[in-house]
Amino acid sequence: MIIRLLSAALAAGFFAAAVVTGLELTLTSPLIVAAERYEQQDSPHQAARALPIVLAHAGHDHAAPDAAPAWQPGPGLPRMAFTGLATLVGGVGYALLLGAVMLACGREPTPQVGLAFAVAGFASVALAPGLGLPPELPGSAAAPLAARQAWWVMTAAATGMGLYLITIRRALITILGGLVLIIAPHVVGAPQAPEAASELPAVLAAQFAARSLAISFVFWILIGLGFGWAWQAFARGMEPGAARA
């Protein structure tokens, strides 16, 4: 079972990463490069940059002006390679988590079941946190990193549990409890960024947030479909060996 789970997660992660890396390099990487130019103009000594991140995140943390520059891949091929590597690691990790959740809920992974759980995964770790903390470009004003991370984790966990109570348990009391869990983080509110002037155009930030969420949706859909297909394919591949045994 564990070998099958790991194998299906690897297959789904590679499949999703191969498609999504191309989308990142085409749709979000140019926006990040453009934002870094504004960031360098705004603070010449600040050189922290961010790889394209389509998974849900708590935002980017930037070094203080007097801090030593953080390591970053060089432009061109090195940056493309690290973007693909980060996407692959995230894809395999999310596929492993998605498969474990399906099995824990007593659902046999298929492409249809994987698709349904993938939509829930996207809602939990990307869409719901993104309502309060949209994906941010370098140079954007942001609340302290620890506060953003804590709110992201709380929102993702509460949304995931809320969806479980609504869609799996399906009792009146659990549906009400699930709705409360989903709404509660937004009632508390995400950490607010300090008021600070930024040279970053608002339209650039809006495009990045919209494209990041769209790519994240595609990412999760491919992971769910890929995991369901791979799980069934590995089962068929194991049947002849089991019959001979």
C-alpha atoms as a PDB file:
ATOM      1  CA  MET A   1       0.000   0.000   0.000  1.00  0.00           C
ATOM      2  CA  ILE A   2       2.770   2.468   0.930  1.00  0.00           C
ATOM      3  CA  ILE A   3       4.774   1.663  -2.216  1.00  0.00           C
ATOM      4  CA  ARG A   4       1.664   2.131  -4.323  1.00  0.00           C
ATOM      5  CA  LEU A   5       0.903   5.437  -2.610  1.00  0.00           C
ATOM      6  CA  LEU A   6       4.437   6.744  -3.137  1.00  0.00           C
ATOM      7  CA  SER A   7       4.514   5.569  -6.756  1.00  0.00           C
ATOM      8  CA  ALA A   8       1.190   7.210  -7.588  1.00  0.00           C
ATOM      9  CA  ALA A   9       2.291  10.436  -5.867  1.00  0.00           C
ATOM     10  CA  LEU A  10       5.538  10.526  -7.844  1.00  0.00           C
ATOM     11  CA  ALA A  11       3.724   9.932 -11.128  1.00  0.00           C
ATOM     12  CA  ALA A  12       1.093  12.583 -10.399  1.00  0.00           C
ATOM     13  CA  GLY A  13       3.679  15.074  -9.170  1.00  0.00           C
ATOM     14  CA  PHE A  14       5.841  14.692 -12.274  1.00  0.00           C
ATOM     15  CA  PHE A  15       2.804  14.982 -14.545  1.00  0.00           C
ATOM     16  CA  ALA A  16       1.502  18.124 -12.857  1.00  0.00           C
ATOM     17  CA  ALA A  17       4.944  19.742 -12.580  1.00  0.00           C
ATOM     18  CA  ALA A  18       5.705  19.191 -16.270  1.00  0.00           C
ATOM     19  CA  VAL A  19       2.604  21.149 -17.297  1.00  0.00           C
ATOM     20  CA  VAL A  20       2.582  23.779 -14.572  1.00  0.00           C
ATOM     21  CA  THR A  21       6.260  24.696 -14.874  1.00  0.00           C
ATOM     22  CA  GLY A  22       5.566  25.792 -18.429  1.00  0.00           C
ATOM     23  CA  LEU A  23       2.621  27.883 -17.252  1.00  0.00           C
ATOM     24  CA  GLU A  24       4.738  29.481 -14.511  1.00  0.00           C
ATOM     25  CA  LEU A  25       7.560  30.395 -16.862  1.00  0.00           C
ATOM     26  CA  THR A  26       5.082  31.837 -19.352  1.00  0.00           C
ATOM     27  CA  LEU A  27       2.572  33.609 -17.104  1.00  0.00           C
ATOM     28  CA  THR A  28       4.091  34.448 -13.703  1.00  0.00           C
ATOM     29  CA  SER A  29       7.866  34.545 -14.115  1.00  0.00           C
ATOM     30  CA  PRO A  30       7.783  37.642 -16.380  1.00  0.00           C
ATOM     31  CA  LEU A  31       5.697  39.445 -13.764  1.00  0.00           C
ATOM     32  CA  ILE A  32       8.179  38.550 -11.020  1.00  0.00           C
ATOM     33  CA  VAL A  33      11.108  39.784 -13.125  1.00  0.00           C
ATOM     34  CA  ALA A  34       9.248  43.038 -13.788  1.00  0.00           C
ATOM     35  CA  ALA A  35       8.442  43.451 -10.081  1.00  0.00           C
ATOM     36  CA  GLU A  36      12.073  42.895  -9.124  1.00  0.00           C
ATOM     37  CA  ARG A  37      13.043  45.865 -11.271  1.00  0.00           C
ATOM     38  CA  TYR A  38      10.665  48.059  -9.290  1.00  0.00           C
ATOM     39  CA  GLU A  39      11.950  46.534  -6.041  1.00  0.00           C
ATOM     40  CA  GLN A  40      15.557  47.319  -6.944  1.00  0.00           C
ATOM     41  CA  GLN A  41      14.636  50.871  -7.888  1.00  0.00           C
ATOM     42  CA  ASP A  42      12.753  51.312  -4.614  1.00  0.00           C
ATOM     43  CA  SER A  43      15.553  49.838  -2.475  1.00  0.00           C
ATOM     44  CA  PRO A  44      18.903  49.425  -4.262  1.00  0.00           C
ATOM     45  CA  HIS A  45      20.406  47.404  -1.391  1.00  0.00           C
ATOM     46  CA  GLN A  46      17.474  44.975  -1.156  1.00  0.00           C
ATOM     47  CA  ALA A  47      18.039  41.948  -3.357  1.00  0.00           C
ATOM     48  CA  ALA A  48      15.659  39.322  -2.055  1.00  0.00           C
ATOM     49  CA  ARG A  49      13.779  37.661  -4.878  1.00  0.00           C
ATOM     50  CA  ALA A  50      11.113  34.957  -5.027  1.00  0.00           C
ATOM     51  CA  LEU A  51      10.654  31.938  -7.307  1.00  0.00           C
ATOM     52  CA  PRO A  52       7.185  31.634  -8.869  1.00  0.00           C
ATOM     53  CA  ILE A  53       4.960  29.945  -6.291  1.00  0.00           C
ATOM     54  CA  VAL A  54       1.507  28.696  -7.447  1.00  0.00           C
ATOM     55  CA  LEU A  55       0.663  26.704  -4.445  1.00  0.00           C
ATOM     56  CA  ALA A  56      -0.947  28.649  -1.813  1.00  0.00           C
ATOM     57  CA  HIS A  57       1.469  30.567   0.352  1.00  0.00           C
ATOM     58  CA  ALA A  58       1.623  33.137   3.109  1.00  0.00           C
ATOM     59  CA  GLY A  59       3.451  35.719   0.969  1.00  0.00           C
ATOM     60  CA  HIS A  60       7.069  36.703   0.491  1.00  0.00           C
ATOM     61  CA  ASP A  61       9.389  37.846   3.230  1.00  0.00           C
ATOM     62  CA  HIS A  62      11.953  40.451   2.236  1.00  0.00           C
ATOM     63  CA  ALA A  63      15.318  41.096   3.794  1.00  0.00           C
ATOM     64  CA  ALA A  64      15.988  44.314   5.631  1.00  0.00           C
ATOM     65  CA  PRO A  65      17.879  46.905   3.586  1.00  0.00           C
ATOM     66  CA  ASP A  66      21.078  46.333   5.561  1.00  0.00           C
ATOM     67  CA  ALA A  67      20.844  42.534   5.574  1.00  0.00           C
ATOM     68  CA  ALA A  68      23.122  40.385   3.453  1.00  0.00           C
ATOM     69  CA  PRO A  69      21.540  39.466   0.101  1.00  0.00           C
ATOM     70  CA  ALA A  70      19.857  36.073   0.136  1.00  0.00           C
ATOM     71  CA  TRP A  71      21.083  33.410  -2.267  1.00  0.00           C
ATOM     72  CA  GLN A  72      19.120  33.196  -5.468  1.00  0.00           C
ATOM     73  CA  PRO A  73      19.495  31.282  -8.741  1.00  0.00           C
ATOM     74  CA  GLY A  74      20.927  33.192 -11.640  1.00  0.00           C
ATOM     75  CA  PRO A  75      18.791  34.424 -14.502  1.00  0.00           C
ATOM     76  CA  GLY A  76      17.955  32.242 -17.453  1.00  0.00           C
ATOM     77  CA  LEU A  77      18.397  28.481 -17.286  1.00  0.00           C
ATOM     78  CA  PRO A  78      19.344  28.231 -13.552  1.00  0.00           C
ATOM     79  CA  ARG A  79      16.204  30.088 -12.552  1.00  0.00           C
ATOM     80  CA  MET A  80      14.053  27.980 -14.872  1.00  0.00           C
ATOM     81  CA  ALA A  81      15.585  24.823 -13.423  1.00  0.00           C
ATOM     82  CA  PHE A  82      14.933  25.845  -9.817  1.00  0.00           C
ATOM     83  CA  THR A  83      11.393  26.899 -10.698  1.00  0.00           C
ATOM     84  CA  GLY A  84      10.765  23.440 -12.145  1.00  0.00           C
ATOM     85  CA  LEU A  85      12.409  21.728  -9.176  1.00  0.00           C
ATOM     86  CA  ALA A  86      10.318  23.679  -6.661  1.00  0.00           C
ATOM     87  CA  THR A  87       7.156  22.864  -8.603  1.00  0.00           C
ATOM     88  CA  LEU A  88       8.079  19.182  -8.770  1.00  0.00           C
ATOM     89  CA  VAL A  89       8.750  18.938  -5.031  1.00  0.00           C
ATOM     90  CA  GLY A  90       5.476  20.694  -4.282  1.00  0.00           C
ATOM     91  CA  GLY A  91       3.569  18.509  -6.729  1.00  0.00           C
ATOM     92  CA  VAL A  92       4.834  15.244  -5.275  1.00  0.00           C
ATOM     93  CA  GLY A  93       4.216  16.460  -1.724  1.00  0.00           C
ATOM     94  CA  TYR A  94       0.661  17.572  -2.445  1.00  0.00           C
ATOM     95  CA  ALA A  95      -0.069  14.372  -4.382  1.00  0.00           C
ATOM     96  CA  LEU A  96       1.147  12.308  -1.431  1.00  0.00           C
ATOM     97  CA  LEU A  97      -1.016  14.320   0.946  1.00  0.00           C
ATOM     98  CA  LEU A  98      -4.030  14.099  -1.360  1.00  0.00           C
ATOM     99  CA  GLY A  99      -3.710  10.331  -1.697  1.00  0.00           C
ATOM    100  CA  ALA A 100      -3.334   9.858   2.045  1.00  0.00           C
ATOM    101  CA  VAL A 101      -6.453  11.955   2.674  1.00  0.00           C
ATOM    102  CA  MET A 102      -8.489   9.954   0.145  1.00  0.00           C
ATOM    103  CA  LEU A 103      -7.475   6.678   1.751  1.00  0.00           C
ATOM    104  CA  ALA A 104      -8.060   8.020   5.273  1.00  0.00           C
ATOM    105  CA  CYS A 105     -11.579   9.038   4.218  1.00  0.00           C
ATOM    106  CA  GLY A 106     -12.217   5.530   2.907  1.00  0.00           C
ATOM    107  CA  ARG A 107     -12.336   6.558  -0.761  1.00  0.00           C
ATOM    108  CA  GLU A 108     -10.773   4.406  -3.476  1.00  0.00           C
ATOM    109  CA  PRO A 109      -8.612   6.742  -5.589  1.00  0.00           C
ATOM    110  CA  THR A 110      -9.912   7.094  -9.145  1.00  0.00           C
ATOM    111  CA  PRO A 111      -9.645  10.037 -11.540  1.00  0.00           C
ATOM    112  CA  GLN A 112     -13.166  11.130 -10.566  1.00  0.00           C
ATOM    113  CA  VAL A 113     -12.525  10.890  -6.832  1.00  0.00           C
ATOM    114  CA  GLY A 114      -9.112  12.493  -7.262  1.00  0.00           C
ATOM    115  CA  LEU A 115     -10.710  15.400  -9.104  1.00  0.00           C
ATOM    116  CA  ALA A 116     -13.219  16.022  -6.311  1.00  0.00           C
ATOM    117  CA  PHE A 117     -10.551  15.904  -3.597  1.00  0.00           C
ATOM    118  CA  ALA A 118      -8.248  18.100  -5.701  1.00  0.00           C
ATOM    119  CA  VAL A 119     -10.897  20.828  -5.870  1.00  0.00           C
ATOM    120  CA  ALA A 120     -11.182  20.635  -2.073  1.00  0.00           C
ATOM    121  CA  GLY A 121      -7.401  20.803  -1.779  1.00  0.00           C
ATOM    122  CA  PHE A 122      -7.236  23.886  -3.968  1.00  0.00           C
ATOM    123  CA  ALA A 123      -9.989  25.549  -1.942  1.00  0.00           C
ATOM    124  CA  SER A 124      -8.191  24.739   1.320  1.00  0.00           C
ATOM    125  CA  VAL A 125      -4.599  25.705   0.605  1.00  0.00           C
ATOM    126  CA  ALA A 126      -4.910  28.269  -2.194  1.00  0.00           C
ATOM    127  CA  LEU A 127      -8.321  29.850  -2.639  1.00  0.00           C
ATOM    128  CA  ALA A 128      -9.360  30.356   1.003  1.00  0.00           C
ATOM    129  CA  PRO A 129      -5.966  31.686   2.189  1.00  0.00           C
ATOM    130  CA  GLY A 130      -5.734  33.766  -0.992  1.00  0.00           C
ATOM    131  CA  LEU A 131      -8.864  35.684  -0.049  1.00  0.00           C
ATOM    132  CA  GLY A 132      -6.947  37.253   2.831  1.00  0.00           C
ATOM    133  CA  LEU A 133      -3.366  36.883   1.667  1.00  0.00           C
ATOM    134  CA  PRO A 134      -3.258  36.938  -2.135  1.00  0.00           C
ATOM    135  CA  PRO A 135      -0.025  35.799  -3.794  1.00  0.00           C
ATOM    136  CA  GLU A 136       2.447  38.678  -3.602  1.00  0.00           C
ATOM    137  CA  LEU A 137       5.164  39.951  -5.862  1.00  0.00           C
ATOM    138  CA  PRO A 138       8.599  41.016  -4.607  1.00  0.00           C
ATOM    139  CA  GLY A 139       8.465  44.600  -3.393  1.00  0.00           C
ATOM    140  CA  SER A 140       4.895  44.359  -2.116  1.00  0.00           C
ATOM    141  CA  ALA A 141       4.145  45.630   1.369  1.00  0.00           C
ATOM    142  CA  ALA A 142       3.430  42.698   3.678  1.00  0.00           C
ATOM    143  CA  ALA A 143       2.691  41.912   7.316  1.00  0.00           C
ATOM    144  CA  PRO A 144       5.349  40.087   9.379  1.00  0.00           C
ATOM    145  CA  LEU A 145       6.127  36.649   7.975  1.00  0.00           C
ATOM    146  CA  ALA A 146       5.335  34.726  11.183  1.00  0.00           C
ATOM    147  CA  ALA A 147       1.867  36.282  11.390  1.00  0.00           C
ATOM    148  CA  ARG A 148       1.133  35.503   7.745  1.00  0.00           C
ATOM    149  CA  GLN A 149       2.303  31.914   8.103  1.00  0.00           C
ATOM    150  CA  ALA A 150       0.192  31.376  11.221  1.00  0.00           C
ATOM    151  CA  TRP A 151      -2.930  32.757   9.546  1.00  0.00           C
ATOM    152  CA  TRP A 152      -2.274  30.679   6.413  1.00  0.00           C
ATOM    153  CA  VAL A 153      -1.939  27.456   8.401  1.00  0.00           C
ATOM    154  CA  MET A 154      -5.051  28.244  10.444  1.00  0.00           C
ATOM    155  CA  THR A 155      -7.091  29.037   7.335  1.00  0.00           C
ATOM    156  CA  ALA A 156      -5.935  25.997   5.363  1.00  0.00           C
ATOM    157  CA  ALA A 157      -6.568  23.614   8.269  1.00  0.00           C
ATOM    158  CA  ALA A 158      -9.961  25.134   9.142  1.00  0.00           C
ATOM    159  CA  THR A 159     -11.116  25.113   5.513  1.00  0.00           C
ATOM    160  CA  GLY A 160      -9.998  21.527   4.971  1.00  0.00           C
ATOM    161  CA  MET A 161     -11.717  20.323   8.137  1.00  0.00           C
ATOM    162  CA  GLY A 162     -14.824  22.333   7.289  1.00  0.00           C
ATOM    163  CA  LEU A 163     -15.070  20.776   3.840  1.00  0.00           C
ATOM    164  CA  TYR A 164     -14.611  17.326   5.380  1.00  0.00           C
ATOM    165  CA  LEU A 165     -17.462  17.908   7.825  1.00  0.00           C
ATOM    166  CA  ILE A 166     -19.737  19.236   5.066  1.00  0.00           C
ATOM    167  CA  THR A 167     -19.010  16.767   2.273  1.00  0.00           C
ATOM    168  CA  ILE A 168     -18.037  13.562   4.099  1.00  0.00           C
ATOM    169  CA  ARG A 169     -19.930  13.592   7.403  1.00  0.00           C
ATOM    170  CA  ARG A 170     -23.055  15.243   5.957  1.00  0.00           C
ATOM    171  CA  ALA A 171     -25.066  15.631   9.142  1.00  0.00           C
ATOM    172  CA  LEU A 172     -26.821  18.873  10.003  1.00  0.00           C
ATOM    173  CA  ILE A 173     -24.605  19.575  13.011  1.00  0.00           C
ATOM    174  CA  THR A 174     -21.416  18.797  11.068  1.00  0.00           C
ATOM    175  CA  ILE A 175     -22.503  20.972   8.136  1.00  0.00           C
ATOM    176  CA  LEU A 176     -23.095  23.889  10.496  1.00  0.00           C
ATOM    177  CA  GLY A 177     -19.779  23.241  12.225  1.00  0.00           C
ATOM    178  CA  GLY A 178     -18.012  23.051   8.867  1.00  0.00           C
ATOM    179  CA  LEU A 179     -19.436  26.397   7.778  1.00  0.00           C
ATOM    180  CA  VAL A 180     -18.271  27.969  11.035  1.00  0.00           C
ATOM    181  CA  LEU A 181     -14.759  26.597  10.523  1.00  0.00           C
ATOM    182  CA  ILE A 182     -14.573  27.884   6.953  1.00  0.00           C
ATOM    183  CA  ILE A 183     -15.797  31.372   7.868  1.00  0.00           C
ATOM    184  CA  ALA A 184     -13.946  31.809  11.177  1.00  0.00           C
ATOM    185  CA  PRO A 185     -10.447  32.663   9.812  1.00  0.00           C
ATOM    186  CA  HIS A 186     -11.915  35.403   7.634  1.00  0.00           C
ATOM    187  CA  VAL A 187     -13.852  36.816  10.576  1.00  0.00           C
ATOM    188  CA  VAL A 188     -10.578  36.968  12.514  1.00  0.00           C
ATOM    189  CA  GLY A 189      -8.956  38.537   9.470  1.00  0.00           C
ATOM    190  CA  ALA A 190      -5.583  38.138   7.826  1.00  0.00           C
ATOM    191  CA  PRO A 191      -2.602  40.155   9.094  1.00  0.00           C
ATOM    192  CA  GLN A 192      -2.615  43.571   7.483  1.00  0.00           C
ATOM    193  CA  ALA A 193       0.359  44.969   5.648  1.00  0.00           C
ATOM    194  CA  PRO A 194       1.744  48.265   6.967  1.00  0.00           C
ATOM    195  CA  GLU A 195       0.931  51.402   5.044  1.00  0.00           C
ATOM    196  CA  ALA A 196       3.951  51.944   2.865  1.00  0.00           C
ATOM    197  CA  ALA A 197       4.536  53.594  -0.471  1.00  0.00           C
ATOM    198  CA  SER A 198       5.481  51.209  -3.265  1.00  0.00           C
ATOM    199  CA  GLU A 199       6.499  51.791  -6.852  1.00  0.00           C
ATOM    200  CA  LEU A 200       4.922  48.456  -7.824  1.00  0.00           C
ATOM    201  CA  PRO A 201       1.924  49.074 -10.113  1.00  0.00           C
ATOM    202  CA  ALA A 202      -1.341  47.731  -8.724  1.00  0.00           C
ATOM    203  CA  VAL A 203      -2.241  46.159 -12.062  1.00  0.00           C
ATOM    204  CA  LEU A 204       0.957  44.079 -11.944  1.00  0.00           C
ATOM    205  CA  ALA A 205       0.124  42.762  -8.477  1.00  0.00           C
ATOM    206  CA  ALA A 206      -3.456  41.999  -9.508  1.00  0.00           C
ATOM    207  CA  GLN A 207      -2.315  40.097 -12.589  1.00  0.00           C
ATOM    208  CA  PHE A 208       0.131  38.054 -10.528  1.00  0.00           C
ATOM    209  CA  ALA A 209      -2.472  37.139  -7.914  1.00  0.00           C
ATOM    210  CA  ALA A 210      -5.045  36.133 -10.528  1.00  0.00           C
ATOM    211  CA  ARG A 211      -2.591  34.127 -12.623  1.00  0.00           C
ATOM    212  CA  SER A 212      -1.094  32.415  -9.579  1.00  0.00           C
ATOM    213  CA  LEU A 213      -4.501  31.254  -8.359  1.00  0.00           C
ATOM    214  CA  ALA A 214      -5.459  30.086 -11.848  1.00  0.00           C
ATOM    215  CA  ILE A 215      -2.231  28.106 -12.202  1.00  0.00           C
ATOM    216  CA  SER A 216      -2.713  26.681  -8.716  1.00  0.00           C
ATOM    217  CA  PHE A 217      -6.167  25.453  -9.748  1.00  0.00           C
ATOM    218  CA  VAL A 218      -4.710  23.721 -12.809  1.00  0.00           C
ATOM    219  CA  PHE A 219      -1.947  22.294 -10.620  1.00  0.00           C
ATOM    220  CA  TRP A 220      -4.376  20.705  -8.183  1.00  0.00           C
ATOM    221  CA  ILE A 221      -6.648  19.384 -10.945  1.00  0.00           C
ATOM    222  CA  LEU A 222      -3.717  17.679 -12.662  1.00  0.00           C
ATOM    223  CA  ILE A 223      -2.513  16.225  -9.354  1.00  0.00           C
ATOM    224  CA  GLY A 224      -5.956  14.790  -8.564  1.00  0.00           C
ATOM    225  CA  LEU A 225      -6.523  13.319 -12.014  1.00  0.00           C
ATOM    226  CA  GLY A 226      -2.950  12.061 -12.235  1.00  0.00           C
ATOM    227  CA  PHE A 227      -3.021  10.399  -8.839  1.00  0.00           C
ATOM    228  CA  GLY A 228      -6.339   8.675  -9.507  1.00  0.00           C
ATOM    229  CA  TRP A 229      -5.150   7.395 -12.870  1.00  0.00           C
ATOM    230  CA  ALA A 230      -1.761   6.261 -11.522  1.00  0.00           C
ATOM    231  CA  TRP A 231      -3.354   4.489  -8.545  1.00  0.00           C
ATOM    232  CA  GLN A 232      -5.587   2.468 -10.860  1.00  0.00           C
ATOM    233  CA  ALA A 233      -2.772   1.829 -13.336  1.00  0.00           C
ATOM    234  CA  PHE A 234      -0.439   0.483 -10.652  1.00  0.00           C
ATOM    235  CA  ALA A 235      -3.257  -1.749  -9.388  1.00  0.00           C
ATOM    236  CA  ARG A 236      -3.682  -3.258 -12.846  1.00  0.00           C
ATOM    237  CA  GLY A 237       0.078  -3.733 -13.118  1.00  0.00           C
ATOM    238  CA  MET A 238       0.164  -5.610  -9.808  1.00  0.00           C
ATOM    239  CA  GLU A 239      -2.673  -8.018 -10.650  1.00  0.00           C
ATOM    240  CA  PRO A 240      -0.706 -10.409 -12.933  1.00  0.00           C
ATOM    241  CA  GLY A 241       2.043 -10.748 -10.349  1.00  0.00           C
ATOM    242  CA  ALA A 242      -0.505 -11.401  -7.623  1.00  0.00           C
ATOM    243  CA  ALA A 243      -2.193 -14.042  -9.766  1.00  0.00           C
ATOM    244  CA  ARG A 244       1.098 -15.869 -10.428  1.00  0.00           C
ATOM    245  CA  ALA A 245       1.891 -15.781  -6.706  1.00  0.00           C
END
